[in-house]
Amino acid sequence: MNTTMRAVVCTKAGGPEVLELRELPVPEVRAGWTLVQVMGAGLNRAELRTRQGFSPNVRFPRVLGIECVGVVAASSDPALAEGATVAAVMGEMGRAFDGSYAEYVLLPNELIMPVATTLPWAELAALPESYLTAQGALDALGIRAGERLLIRGGTSSVGLAAASIAHAHGIEVAATTRRAERSRDHVITDDGGTLRLPWADGPTHVLDLVGARTVADSLRIVRRGGTVCVAGSLSGWLIPDFEPIAMIPSGTRLTAFHSDDAKGRAGAAVLQRVIEGVEAGLYKPNLDSVVALDGLAAAHRHMEADRAAGKVVMLPGLVSGA
């Protein structure tokens, strides 16, 4: 194995220009950690926020990247065999320690999710963060076939993933978006005004990926006795002037899902279920584009301009321009 690797380093807080392609030493395995050869990594808005300086505990320079798929290069855990296909998400990856914008990443053993799959790397790389969050949020909602789901933020990568899974299980889906051309569902343009819902008595469930700005309205429009699950923060983290008794109708439920809840061994079975759904043709990853390591700065610009219609994936082995 090579002793050096290519990695994209975020040198300081700033615009996409602070992402620099560098040659770094391959990390050495130590007790409690596993070295993974990164075969693919999905990009996330959380990485854009970290790059912009909105993750206060992050110290630069830092290799970003909160998820990856790849193969075990070496491990301190004898149960993780060299060459095994694995995935990993969250757990301070790309924040407290270097992440997946690299050819190799050193990860805590507890973050490693062994998976069995025949999917190509680009498709597999589109699944961990987006589809784990989507599946986990749908599980938290407790939604069943024949019920009605409104996805707020429906053309985000998680929103598209949730719609794909919901359709496969016989759930009627509508989605709010600022870009109606991106969705195949009943589309509701969300311009801050009153939503024109397709159901007279409202959705039975709302998956709110917009977050702080829309939670109170989601609680208002969900059918009485229904459930709202907050699983995104596209509009920020804090709900201003939130009054639970006034804002949560009697019998209506408000819950949440965080992708950190599905990291490591806890998420392995869920991710395997998602993979098997894709392999069976029940749904497919919503890929916007696939980029090389040296295309990450441009990919950040693409996402920051809100032009990504689905998941952007980086493959370290991809030749730039291929």
C-alpha atoms as a PDB file:
ATOM      1  CA  MET A   1       0.000   0.000   0.000  1.00  0.00           C
ATOM      2  CA  ASN A   2       1.183   3.515  -0.749  1.00  0.00           C
ATOM      3  CA  THR A   3       2.479   5.629   2.112  1.00  0.00           C
ATOM      4  CA  THR A   4       0.944   8.822   0.720  1.00  0.00           C
ATOM      5  CA  MET A   5      -2.513   9.673  -0.542  1.00  0.00           C
ATOM      6  CA  ARG A   6      -4.398  12.474  -2.216  1.00  0.00           C
ATOM      7  CA  ALA A   7      -6.817  14.400  -0.029  1.00  0.00           C
ATOM      8  CA  VAL A   8      -8.760  17.641  -0.241  1.00  0.00           C
ATOM      9  CA  VAL A   9      -7.995  19.805   2.777  1.00  0.00           C
ATOM     10  CA  CYS A  10     -10.158  22.645   4.036  1.00  0.00           C
ATOM     11  CA  THR A  11      -7.407  25.079   4.975  1.00  0.00           C
ATOM     12  CA  LYS A  12      -9.606  27.632   6.790  1.00  0.00           C
ATOM     13  CA  ALA A  13     -13.186  28.855   6.956  1.00  0.00           C
ATOM     14  CA  GLY A  14     -14.285  30.450   3.715  1.00  0.00           C
ATOM     15  CA  GLY A  15     -15.582  29.866   0.206  1.00  0.00           C
ATOM     16  CA  PRO A  16     -14.984  26.790  -1.969  1.00  0.00           C
ATOM     17  CA  GLU A  17     -11.532  28.148  -2.833  1.00  0.00           C
ATOM     18  CA  VAL A  18     -10.263  27.096   0.631  1.00  0.00           C
ATOM     19  CA  LEU A  19     -10.529  23.431  -0.457  1.00  0.00           C
ATOM     20  CA  GLU A  20      -7.056  22.396  -1.625  1.00  0.00           C
ATOM     21  CA  LEU A  21      -5.924  19.101  -3.167  1.00  0.00           C
ATOM     22  CA  ARG A  22      -2.827  17.929  -1.287  1.00  0.00           C
ATOM     23  CA  GLU A  23      -0.581  14.912  -0.820  1.00  0.00           C
ATOM     24  CA  LEU A  24      -0.785  13.599   2.750  1.00  0.00           C
ATOM     25  CA  PRO A  25       0.588  10.570   4.606  1.00  0.00           C
ATOM     26  CA  VAL A  26      -1.771   7.608   4.727  1.00  0.00           C
ATOM     27  CA  PRO A  27      -2.974   7.418   8.355  1.00  0.00           C
ATOM     28  CA  GLU A  28      -1.519   4.638  10.484  1.00  0.00           C
ATOM     29  CA  VAL A  29      -3.885   2.174  12.134  1.00  0.00           C
ATOM     30  CA  ARG A  30      -4.000   2.347  15.913  1.00  0.00           C
ATOM     31  CA  ALA A  31      -5.971   0.535  18.614  1.00  0.00           C
ATOM     32  CA  GLY A  32      -9.710   1.028  18.204  1.00  0.00           C
ATOM     33  CA  TRP A  33      -9.484   2.338  14.627  1.00  0.00           C
ATOM     34  CA  THR A  34      -9.835   1.020  11.064  1.00  0.00           C
ATOM     35  CA  LEU A  35      -8.218   2.292   7.869  1.00  0.00           C
ATOM     36  CA  VAL A  36     -10.700   2.374   4.984  1.00  0.00           C
ATOM     37  CA  GLN A  37      -9.808   2.862   1.341  1.00  0.00           C
ATOM     38  CA  VAL A  38     -12.447   5.335   0.230  1.00  0.00           C
ATOM     39  CA  MET A  39     -14.166   4.192  -2.948  1.00  0.00           C
ATOM     40  CA  GLY A  40     -16.903   6.816  -2.834  1.00  0.00           C
ATOM     41  CA  ALA A  41     -18.343   9.558  -0.650  1.00  0.00           C
ATOM     42  CA  GLY A  42     -21.583  11.504  -0.801  1.00  0.00           C
ATOM     43  CA  LEU A  43     -21.433  15.263  -0.312  1.00  0.00           C
ATOM     44  CA  ASN A  44     -23.631  16.984   2.258  1.00  0.00           C
ATOM     45  CA  ARG A  45     -24.702  20.489   3.172  1.00  0.00           C
ATOM     46  CA  ALA A  46     -23.235  19.871   6.614  1.00  0.00           C
ATOM     47  CA  GLU A  47     -19.815  19.929   4.941  1.00  0.00           C
ATOM     48  CA  LEU A  48     -20.610  23.246   3.293  1.00  0.00           C
ATOM     49  CA  ARG A  49     -21.523  24.698   6.686  1.00  0.00           C
ATOM     50  CA  THR A  50     -18.319  23.365   8.238  1.00  0.00           C
ATOM     51  CA  ARG A  51     -16.288  24.862   5.403  1.00  0.00           C
ATOM     52  CA  GLN A  52     -18.081  28.193   5.907  1.00  0.00           C
ATOM     53  CA  GLY A  53     -17.047  28.219   9.556  1.00  0.00           C
ATOM     54  CA  PHE A  54     -20.373  27.323  11.178  1.00  0.00           C
ATOM     55  CA  SER A  55     -19.105  24.238  13.042  1.00  0.00           C
ATOM     56  CA  PRO A  56     -17.563  25.913  16.094  1.00  0.00           C
ATOM     57  CA  ASN A  57     -15.635  22.881  17.356  1.00  0.00           C
ATOM     58  CA  VAL A  58     -13.848  22.228  14.049  1.00  0.00           C
ATOM     59  CA  ARG A  59     -10.197  23.205  13.869  1.00  0.00           C
ATOM     60  CA  PHE A  60      -8.581  23.868  10.493  1.00  0.00           C
ATOM     61  CA  PRO A  61      -6.891  22.534   8.468  1.00  0.00           C
ATOM     62  CA  ARG A  62      -9.313  19.609   8.249  1.00  0.00           C
ATOM     63  CA  VAL A  63     -10.190  16.968   5.672  1.00  0.00           C
ATOM     64  CA  LEU A  64     -13.990  17.219   5.434  1.00  0.00           C
ATOM     65  CA  GLY A  65     -16.463  14.448   4.628  1.00  0.00           C
ATOM     66  CA  ILE A  66     -19.060  12.946   6.988  1.00  0.00           C
ATOM     67  CA  GLU A  67     -19.751   9.710   5.082  1.00  0.00           C
ATOM     68  CA  CYS A  68     -18.074   7.171   2.836  1.00  0.00           C
ATOM     69  CA  VAL A  69     -18.160   3.698   1.350  1.00  0.00           C
ATOM     70  CA  GLY A  70     -15.078   1.639   0.663  1.00  0.00           C
ATOM     71  CA  VAL A  71     -13.062  -1.393   1.630  1.00  0.00           C
ATOM     72  CA  VAL A  72     -11.131  -2.218   4.776  1.00  0.00           C
ATOM     73  CA  ALA A  73      -7.419  -1.638   4.188  1.00  0.00           C
ATOM     74  CA  ALA A  74      -6.341  -2.570   7.730  1.00  0.00           C
ATOM     75  CA  SER A  75      -8.060  -2.772  11.097  1.00  0.00           C
ATOM     76  CA  SER A  76      -7.392  -3.250  14.768  1.00  0.00           C
ATOM     77  CA  ASP A  77     -10.663  -5.219  14.917  1.00  0.00           C
ATOM     78  CA  PRO A  78     -10.151  -8.840  13.798  1.00  0.00           C
ATOM     79  CA  ALA A  79     -13.834  -9.003  12.844  1.00  0.00           C
ATOM     80  CA  LEU A  80     -13.224  -6.421  10.102  1.00  0.00           C
ATOM     81  CA  ALA A  81     -11.429  -8.412   7.426  1.00  0.00           C
ATOM     82  CA  GLU A  82      -9.157  -6.727   4.915  1.00  0.00           C
ATOM     83  CA  GLY A  83     -11.068  -6.147   1.679  1.00  0.00           C
ATOM     84  CA  ALA A  84     -14.517  -6.172   3.315  1.00  0.00           C
ATOM     85  CA  THR A  85     -17.019  -3.684   1.896  1.00  0.00           C
ATOM     86  CA  VAL A  86     -18.032  -1.108   4.500  1.00  0.00           C
ATOM     87  CA  ALA A  87     -19.788   2.223   4.957  1.00  0.00           C
ATOM     88  CA  ALA A  88     -19.574   4.903   7.623  1.00  0.00           C
ATOM     89  CA  VAL A  89     -21.449   8.078   8.532  1.00  0.00           C
ATOM     90  CA  MET A  90     -21.244  10.853  11.103  1.00  0.00           C
ATOM     91  CA  GLY A  91     -19.657  10.291  14.527  1.00  0.00           C
ATOM     92  CA  GLU A  92     -17.633  13.537  14.191  1.00  0.00           C
ATOM     93  CA  MET A  93     -16.081  12.248  10.981  1.00  0.00           C
ATOM     94  CA  GLY A  94     -14.711  15.226   9.048  1.00  0.00           C
ATOM     95  CA  ARG A  95     -15.080  17.415  12.111  1.00  0.00           C
ATOM     96  CA  ALA A  96     -13.188  16.139  15.160  1.00  0.00           C
ATOM     97  CA  PHE A  97     -10.954  14.015  12.904  1.00  0.00           C
ATOM     98  CA  ASP A  98     -10.235  13.888   9.186  1.00  0.00           C
ATOM     99  CA  GLY A  99     -13.017  12.636   6.961  1.00  0.00           C
ATOM    100  CA  SER A 100     -13.676  11.129   3.558  1.00  0.00           C
ATOM    101  CA  TYR A 101     -12.456  13.767   1.086  1.00  0.00           C
ATOM    102  CA  ALA A 102      -9.432  11.515   0.583  1.00  0.00           C
ATOM    103  CA  GLU A 103      -8.221   8.214  -0.826  1.00  0.00           C
ATOM    104  CA  TYR A 104      -8.013   6.737   2.700  1.00  0.00           C
ATOM    105  CA  VAL A 105      -9.741   7.588   5.973  1.00  0.00           C
ATOM    106  CA  LEU A 106      -9.000   6.375   9.509  1.00  0.00           C
ATOM    107  CA  LEU A 107     -12.226   5.711  11.408  1.00  0.00           C
ATOM    108  CA  PRO A 108     -13.209   4.525  14.905  1.00  0.00           C
ATOM    109  CA  ASN A 109     -14.182   0.871  14.757  1.00  0.00           C
ATOM    110  CA  GLU A 110     -17.630   1.606  16.153  1.00  0.00           C
ATOM    111  CA  LEU A 111     -18.489   3.715  13.076  1.00  0.00           C
ATOM    112  CA  ILE A 112     -17.835   0.915  10.588  1.00  0.00           C
ATOM    113  CA  MET A 113     -20.891  -0.684   8.946  1.00  0.00           C
ATOM    114  CA  PRO A 114     -20.088  -3.893   7.033  1.00  0.00           C
ATOM    115  CA  VAL A 115     -22.441  -4.353   4.083  1.00  0.00           C
ATOM    116  CA  ALA A 116     -23.006  -6.937   1.360  1.00  0.00           C
ATOM    117  CA  THR A 117     -23.771  -5.525  -2.076  1.00  0.00           C
ATOM    118  CA  THR A 118     -23.241  -5.770  -5.816  1.00  0.00           C
ATOM    119  CA  LEU A 119     -24.037  -2.098  -6.442  1.00  0.00           C
ATOM    120  CA  PRO A 120     -21.478   0.055  -8.263  1.00  0.00           C
ATOM    121  CA  TRP A 121     -19.570   2.436  -6.024  1.00  0.00           C
ATOM    122  CA  ALA A 122     -21.323   5.593  -7.231  1.00  0.00           C
ATOM    123  CA  GLU A 123     -24.767   4.168  -6.388  1.00  0.00           C
ATOM    124  CA  LEU A 124     -23.607   2.759  -3.056  1.00  0.00           C
ATOM    125  CA  ALA A 125     -21.976   6.078  -2.121  1.00  0.00           C
ATOM    126  CA  ALA A 126     -25.279   7.889  -2.641  1.00  0.00           C
ATOM    127  CA  LEU A 127     -27.012   5.820   0.046  1.00  0.00           C
ATOM    128  CA  PRO A 128     -25.490   6.058   3.552  1.00  0.00           C
ATOM    129  CA  GLU A 129     -26.312   9.547   4.821  1.00  0.00           C
ATOM    130  CA  SER A 130     -29.350  10.389   2.661  1.00  0.00           C
ATOM    131  CA  TYR A 131     -31.068   7.012   2.659  1.00  0.00           C
ATOM    132  CA  LEU A 132     -30.241   6.150   6.270  1.00  0.00           C
ATOM    133  CA  THR A 133     -31.736   9.490   7.314  1.00  0.00           C
ATOM    134  CA  ALA A 134     -34.759   8.991   5.063  1.00  0.00           C
ATOM    135  CA  GLN A 135     -35.421   5.420   6.199  1.00  0.00           C
ATOM    136  CA  GLY A 136     -34.816   6.308   9.842  1.00  0.00           C
ATOM    137  CA  ALA A 137     -37.190   9.272   9.632  1.00  0.00           C
ATOM    138  CA  LEU A 138     -39.910   7.195   7.958  1.00  0.00           C
ATOM    139  CA  ASP A 139     -39.484   4.559  10.679  1.00  0.00           C
ATOM    140  CA  ALA A 140     -39.778   7.310  13.316  1.00  0.00           C
ATOM    141  CA  LEU A 141     -42.978   8.545  11.667  1.00  0.00           C
ATOM    142  CA  GLY A 142     -44.466   5.047  11.787  1.00  0.00           C
ATOM    143  CA  ILE A 143     -46.117   5.590   8.411  1.00  0.00           C
ATOM    144  CA  ARG A 144     -47.821   2.687   6.626  1.00  0.00           C
ATOM    145  CA  ALA A 145     -49.097   1.824   3.163  1.00  0.00           C
ATOM    146  CA  GLY A 146     -52.141   3.848   2.134  1.00  0.00           C
ATOM    147  CA  GLU A 147     -51.296   6.832   4.339  1.00  0.00           C
ATOM    148  CA  ARG A 148     -50.374  10.316   3.107  1.00  0.00           C
ATOM    149  CA  LEU A 149     -46.948  11.884   3.456  1.00  0.00           C
ATOM    150  CA  LEU A 150     -45.982  15.520   2.929  1.00  0.00           C
ATOM    151  CA  ILE A 151     -42.227  16.029   2.564  1.00  0.00           C
ATOM    152  CA  ARG A 152     -41.095  19.583   3.219  1.00  0.00           C
ATOM    153  CA  GLY A 153     -37.808  20.119   1.422  1.00  0.00           C
ATOM    154  CA  GLY A 154     -38.770  17.376  -1.006  1.00  0.00           C
ATOM    155  CA  THR A 155     -36.049  18.001  -3.580  1.00  0.00           C
ATOM    156  CA  SER A 156     -33.163  17.790  -1.103  1.00  0.00           C
ATOM    157  CA  SER A 157     -31.203  14.545  -1.364  1.00  0.00           C
ATOM    158  CA  VAL A 158     -32.922  13.214   1.794  1.00  0.00           C
ATOM    159  CA  GLY A 159     -36.326  14.345   0.521  1.00  0.00           C
ATOM    160  CA  LEU A 160     -35.863  12.543  -2.791  1.00  0.00           C
ATOM    161  CA  ALA A 161     -34.670   9.432  -0.941  1.00  0.00           C
ATOM    162  CA  ALA A 162     -37.686   9.497   1.384  1.00  0.00           C
ATOM    163  CA  ALA A 163     -40.058   9.854  -1.567  1.00  0.00           C
ATOM    164  CA  SER A 164     -38.428   6.902  -3.335  1.00  0.00           C
ATOM    165  CA  ILE A 165     -38.777   4.663  -0.288  1.00  0.00           C
ATOM    166  CA  ALA A 166     -42.327   5.836   0.468  1.00  0.00           C
ATOM    167  CA  HIS A 167     -43.520   5.160  -3.099  1.00  0.00           C
ATOM    168  CA  ALA A 168     -42.087   1.663  -2.914  1.00  0.00           C
ATOM    169  CA  HIS A 169     -44.223   0.977   0.157  1.00  0.00           C
ATOM    170  CA  GLY A 170     -47.537   2.262  -1.197  1.00  0.00           C
ATOM    171  CA  ILE A 171     -47.551   5.645   0.508  1.00  0.00           C
ATOM    172  CA  GLU A 172     -49.092   8.658  -1.240  1.00  0.00           C
ATOM    173  CA  VAL A 173     -46.514  11.452  -1.418  1.00  0.00           C
ATOM    174  CA  ALA A 174     -46.606  15.205  -1.914  1.00  0.00           C
ATOM    175  CA  ALA A 175     -43.565  17.452  -1.640  1.00  0.00           C
ATOM    176  CA  THR A 176     -42.867  21.118  -1.069  1.00  0.00           C
ATOM    177  CA  THR A 177     -40.017  22.655  -2.983  1.00  0.00           C
ATOM    178  CA  ARG A 178     -38.687  25.850  -4.460  1.00  0.00           C
ATOM    179  CA  ARG A 179     -37.737  23.943  -7.632  1.00  0.00           C
ATOM    180  CA  ALA A 180     -40.857  22.125  -8.877  1.00  0.00           C
ATOM    181  CA  GLU A 181     -39.144  20.610 -11.921  1.00  0.00           C
ATOM    182  CA  ARG A 182     -37.061  18.349  -9.682  1.00  0.00           C
ATOM    183  CA  SER A 183     -39.868  16.197  -8.292  1.00  0.00           C
ATOM    184  CA  ARG A 184     -42.180  13.574  -9.813  1.00  0.00           C
ATOM    185  CA  ASP A 185     -44.614  13.795  -6.889  1.00  0.00           C
ATOM    186  CA  HIS A 186     -47.538  16.153  -6.339  1.00  0.00           C
ATOM    187  CA  VAL A 187     -45.483  19.329  -6.068  1.00  0.00           C
ATOM    188  CA  ILE A 188     -46.324  22.263  -3.847  1.00  0.00           C
ATOM    189  CA  THR A 189     -44.285  25.405  -4.353  1.00  0.00           C
ATOM    190  CA  ASP A 190     -43.215  26.712  -0.952  1.00  0.00           C
ATOM    191  CA  ASP A 191     -42.732  30.459  -1.234  1.00  0.00           C
ATOM    192  CA  GLY A 192     -43.556  31.218   2.377  1.00  0.00           C
ATOM    193  CA  GLY A 193     -47.299  31.559   1.739  1.00  0.00           C
ATOM    194  CA  THR A 194     -50.200  29.175   2.370  1.00  0.00           C
ATOM    195  CA  LEU A 195     -49.553  25.710   0.975  1.00  0.00           C
ATOM    196  CA  ARG A 196     -52.088  24.349  -1.528  1.00  0.00           C
ATOM    197  CA  LEU A 197     -52.363  20.766  -0.282  1.00  0.00           C
ATOM    198  CA  PRO A 198     -53.778  17.912  -2.393  1.00  0.00           C
ATOM    199  CA  TRP A 199     -55.734  16.514   0.576  1.00  0.00           C
ATOM    200  CA  ALA A 200     -58.747  18.295   2.048  1.00  0.00           C
ATOM    201  CA  ASP A 201     -58.038  17.080   5.590  1.00  0.00           C
ATOM    202  CA  GLY A 202     -54.255  17.285   5.323  1.00  0.00           C
ATOM    203  CA  PRO A 203     -51.469  14.719   5.281  1.00  0.00           C
ATOM    204  CA  THR A 204     -51.422  11.989   7.918  1.00  0.00           C
ATOM    205  CA  HIS A 205     -47.666  12.504   8.328  1.00  0.00           C
ATOM    206  CA  VAL A 206     -45.185  15.285   7.621  1.00  0.00           C
ATOM    207  CA  LEU A 207     -41.455  14.771   7.149  1.00  0.00           C
ATOM    208  CA  ASP A 208     -39.990  18.230   7.738  1.00  0.00           C
ATOM    209  CA  LEU A 209     -36.506  18.625   6.294  1.00  0.00           C
ATOM    210  CA  VAL A 210     -36.667  22.425   6.192  1.00  0.00           C
ATOM    211  CA  GLY A 211     -36.701  22.545   9.972  1.00  0.00           C
ATOM    212  CA  ALA A 212     -36.896  25.581  12.191  1.00  0.00           C
ATOM    213  CA  ARG A 213     -38.772  27.885   9.825  1.00  0.00           C
ATOM    214  CA  THR A 214     -41.565  25.446   8.968  1.00  0.00           C
ATOM    215  CA  VAL A 215     -42.109  23.191  12.007  1.00  0.00           C
ATOM    216  CA  ALA A 216     -44.948  25.280  13.480  1.00  0.00           C
ATOM    217  CA  ASP A 217     -46.732  25.323  10.111  1.00  0.00           C
ATOM    218  CA  SER A 218     -46.212  21.569   9.675  1.00  0.00           C
ATOM    219  CA  LEU A 219     -47.909  20.990  13.025  1.00  0.00           C
ATOM    220  CA  ARG A 220     -50.786  23.206  11.893  1.00  0.00           C
ATOM    221  CA  ILE A 221     -51.415  21.434   8.579  1.00  0.00           C
ATOM    222  CA  VAL A 222     -50.935  17.771   9.560  1.00  0.00           C
ATOM    223  CA  ARG A 223     -54.199  15.936  10.137  1.00  0.00           C
ATOM    224  CA  ARG A 224     -55.206  15.999  13.796  1.00  0.00           C
ATOM    225  CA  GLY A 225     -53.654  12.973  15.478  1.00  0.00           C
ATOM    226  CA  GLY A 226     -50.963  12.735  12.808  1.00  0.00           C
ATOM    227  CA  THR A 227     -47.205  12.910  13.227  1.00  0.00           C
ATOM    228  CA  VAL A 228     -44.553  15.444  12.247  1.00  0.00           C
ATOM    229  CA  CYS A 229     -40.934  14.296  12.145  1.00  0.00           C
ATOM    230  CA  VAL A 230     -38.163  16.891  11.950  1.00  0.00           C
ATOM    231  CA  ALA A 231     -35.104  15.389  10.284  1.00  0.00           C
ATOM    232  CA  GLY A 232     -33.410  18.341   8.615  1.00  0.00           C
ATOM    233  CA  SER A 233     -32.119  21.817   9.233  1.00  0.00           C
ATOM    234  CA  LEU A 234     -32.199  23.514   5.830  1.00  0.00           C
ATOM    235  CA  SER A 235     -33.503  26.671   7.550  1.00  0.00           C
ATOM    236  CA  GLY A 236     -31.470  26.401  10.756  1.00  0.00           C
ATOM    237  CA  TRP A 237     -31.553  24.600  14.101  1.00  0.00           C
ATOM    238  CA  LEU A 238     -33.646  26.701  16.500  1.00  0.00           C
ATOM    239  CA  ILE A 239     -37.401  27.342  16.419  1.00  0.00           C
ATOM    240  CA  PRO A 240     -37.963  30.935  17.565  1.00  0.00           C
ATOM    241  CA  ASP A 241     -40.633  31.529  20.226  1.00  0.00           C
ATOM    242  CA  PHE A 242     -41.676  27.872  20.257  1.00  0.00           C
ATOM    243  CA  GLU A 243     -44.640  27.241  22.590  1.00  0.00           C
ATOM    244  CA  PRO A 244     -45.376  23.477  22.688  1.00  0.00           C
ATOM    245  CA  ILE A 245     -48.843  23.651  24.242  1.00  0.00           C
ATOM    246  CA  ALA A 246     -49.978  26.359  21.835  1.00  0.00           C
ATOM    247  CA  MET A 247     -48.295  24.976  18.737  1.00  0.00           C
ATOM    248  CA  ILE A 248     -48.793  21.201  19.032  1.00  0.00           C
ATOM    249  CA  PRO A 249     -52.488  20.326  18.523  1.00  0.00           C
ATOM    250  CA  SER A 250     -53.921  17.854  21.031  1.00  0.00           C
ATOM    251  CA  GLY A 251     -53.218  14.281  19.942  1.00  0.00           C
ATOM    252  CA  THR A 252     -50.737  15.326  17.262  1.00  0.00           C
ATOM    253  CA  ARG A 253     -47.204  14.034  17.666  1.00  0.00           C
ATOM    254  CA  LEU A 254     -43.903  15.818  17.108  1.00  0.00           C
ATOM    255  CA  THR A 255     -40.792  13.679  16.836  1.00  0.00           C
ATOM    256  CA  ALA A 256     -37.333  13.907  15.309  1.00  0.00           C
ATOM    257  CA  PHE A 257     -34.659  11.791  13.700  1.00  0.00           C
ATOM    258  CA  HIS A 258     -30.937  12.498  13.604  1.00  0.00           C
ATOM    259  CA  SER A 259     -28.662  10.515  11.308  1.00  0.00           C
ATOM    260  CA  ASP A 260     -26.204  10.127  14.185  1.00  0.00           C
ATOM    261  CA  ASP A 261     -28.816   7.722  15.637  1.00  0.00           C
ATOM    262  CA  ALA A 262     -28.047   5.336  12.758  1.00  0.00           C
ATOM    263  CA  LYS A 263     -24.283   5.471  12.801  1.00  0.00           C
ATOM    264  CA  GLY A 264     -22.100   2.388  13.165  1.00  0.00           C
ATOM    265  CA  ARG A 265     -23.544  -0.966  14.131  1.00  0.00           C
ATOM    266  CA  ALA A 266     -26.953   0.589  14.907  1.00  0.00           C
ATOM    267  CA  GLY A 267     -27.327   1.617  11.271  1.00  0.00           C
ATOM    268  CA  ALA A 268     -25.816  -1.414   9.546  1.00  0.00           C
ATOM    269  CA  ALA A 269     -29.072  -3.391   9.379  1.00  0.00           C
ATOM    270  CA  VAL A 270     -31.019  -0.338   8.184  1.00  0.00           C
ATOM    271  CA  LEU A 271     -28.458   0.411   5.470  1.00  0.00           C
ATOM    272  CA  GLN A 272     -28.461  -3.224   4.384  1.00  0.00           C
ATOM    273  CA  ARG A 273     -32.258  -3.036   4.076  1.00  0.00           C
ATOM    274  CA  VAL A 274     -31.914   0.076   1.905  1.00  0.00           C
ATOM    275  CA  ILE A 275     -29.253  -1.587  -0.269  1.00  0.00           C
ATOM    276  CA  GLU A 276     -31.448  -4.635  -0.799  1.00  0.00           C
ATOM    277  CA  GLY A 277     -34.338  -2.371  -1.785  1.00  0.00           C
ATOM    278  CA  VAL A 278     -32.159  -0.746  -4.446  1.00  0.00           C
ATOM    279  CA  GLU A 279     -30.821  -4.093  -5.666  1.00  0.00           C
ATOM    280  CA  ALA A 280     -34.410  -5.391  -5.941  1.00  0.00           C
ATOM    281  CA  GLY A 281     -35.381  -2.397  -8.063  1.00  0.00           C
ATOM    282  CA  LEU A 282     -37.865  -0.992  -5.531  1.00  0.00           C
ATOM    283  CA  TYR A 283     -36.143   2.391  -5.777  1.00  0.00           C
ATOM    284  CA  LYS A 284     -32.883   3.841  -7.022  1.00  0.00           C
ATOM    285  CA  PRO A 285     -30.441   6.452  -5.730  1.00  0.00           C
ATOM    286  CA  ASN A 286     -31.125  10.008  -6.835  1.00  0.00           C
ATOM    287  CA  LEU A 287     -27.750  10.936  -8.318  1.00  0.00           C
ATOM    288  CA  ASP A 288     -27.112  14.503  -9.404  1.00  0.00           C
ATOM    289  CA  SER A 289     -23.478  14.130 -10.462  1.00  0.00           C
ATOM    290  CA  VAL A 290     -20.281  12.190  -9.847  1.00  0.00           C
ATOM    291  CA  VAL A 291     -17.037  14.129  -9.388  1.00  0.00           C
ATOM    292  CA  ALA A 292     -13.351  13.392  -8.870  1.00  0.00           C
ATOM    293  CA  LEU A 293     -11.319  14.499  -5.848  1.00  0.00           C
ATOM    294  CA  ASP A 294     -10.120  17.600  -7.669  1.00  0.00           C
ATOM    295  CA  GLY A 295     -13.737  18.474  -8.509  1.00  0.00           C
ATOM    296  CA  LEU A 296     -14.826  18.961  -4.895  1.00  0.00           C
ATOM    297  CA  ALA A 297     -14.456  22.760  -4.857  1.00  0.00           C
ATOM    298  CA  ALA A 298     -16.614  23.027  -7.977  1.00  0.00           C
ATOM    299  CA  ALA A 299     -19.105  20.587  -6.440  1.00  0.00           C
ATOM    300  CA  HIS A 300     -19.376  22.814  -3.355  1.00  0.00           C
ATOM    301  CA  ARG A 301     -20.134  25.795  -5.620  1.00  0.00           C
ATOM    302  CA  HIS A 302     -22.762  23.711  -7.430  1.00  0.00           C
ATOM    303  CA  MET A 303     -24.484  22.767  -4.165  1.00  0.00           C
ATOM    304  CA  GLU A 304     -24.158  26.227  -2.655  1.00  0.00           C
ATOM    305  CA  ALA A 305     -25.942  27.698  -5.686  1.00  0.00           C
ATOM    306  CA  ASP A 306     -28.794  25.208  -5.054  1.00  0.00           C
ATOM    307  CA  ARG A 307     -28.282  23.543  -8.432  1.00  0.00           C
ATOM    308  CA  ALA A 308     -27.939  19.946  -7.204  1.00  0.00           C
ATOM    309  CA  ALA A 309     -31.000  17.827  -8.021  1.00  0.00           C
ATOM    310  CA  GLY A 310     -30.138  14.823  -5.888  1.00  0.00           C
ATOM    311  CA  LYS A 311     -26.935  13.487  -4.402  1.00  0.00           C
ATOM    312  CA  VAL A 312     -23.487  14.640  -5.475  1.00  0.00           C
ATOM    313  CA  VAL A 313     -20.971  11.798  -5.128  1.00  0.00           C
ATOM    314  CA  MET A 314     -17.162  11.886  -5.146  1.00  0.00           C
ATOM    315  CA  LEU A 315     -15.119   8.900  -6.371  1.00  0.00           C
ATOM    316  CA  PRO A 316     -11.397   9.190  -5.500  1.00  0.00           C
ATOM    317  CA  GLY A 317     -10.485   6.852  -8.339  1.00  0.00           C
ATOM    318  CA  LEU A 318     -12.303   8.903 -10.964  1.00  0.00           C
ATOM    319  CA  VAL A 319     -10.060  10.682 -13.432  1.00  0.00           C
ATOM    320  CA  SER A 320     -10.911  14.377 -13.627  1.00  0.00           C
ATOM    321  CA  GLY A 321     -12.948  15.136 -16.721  1.00  0.00           C
ATOM    322  CA  ALA A 322     -13.837  11.469 -17.281  1.00  0.00           C
END
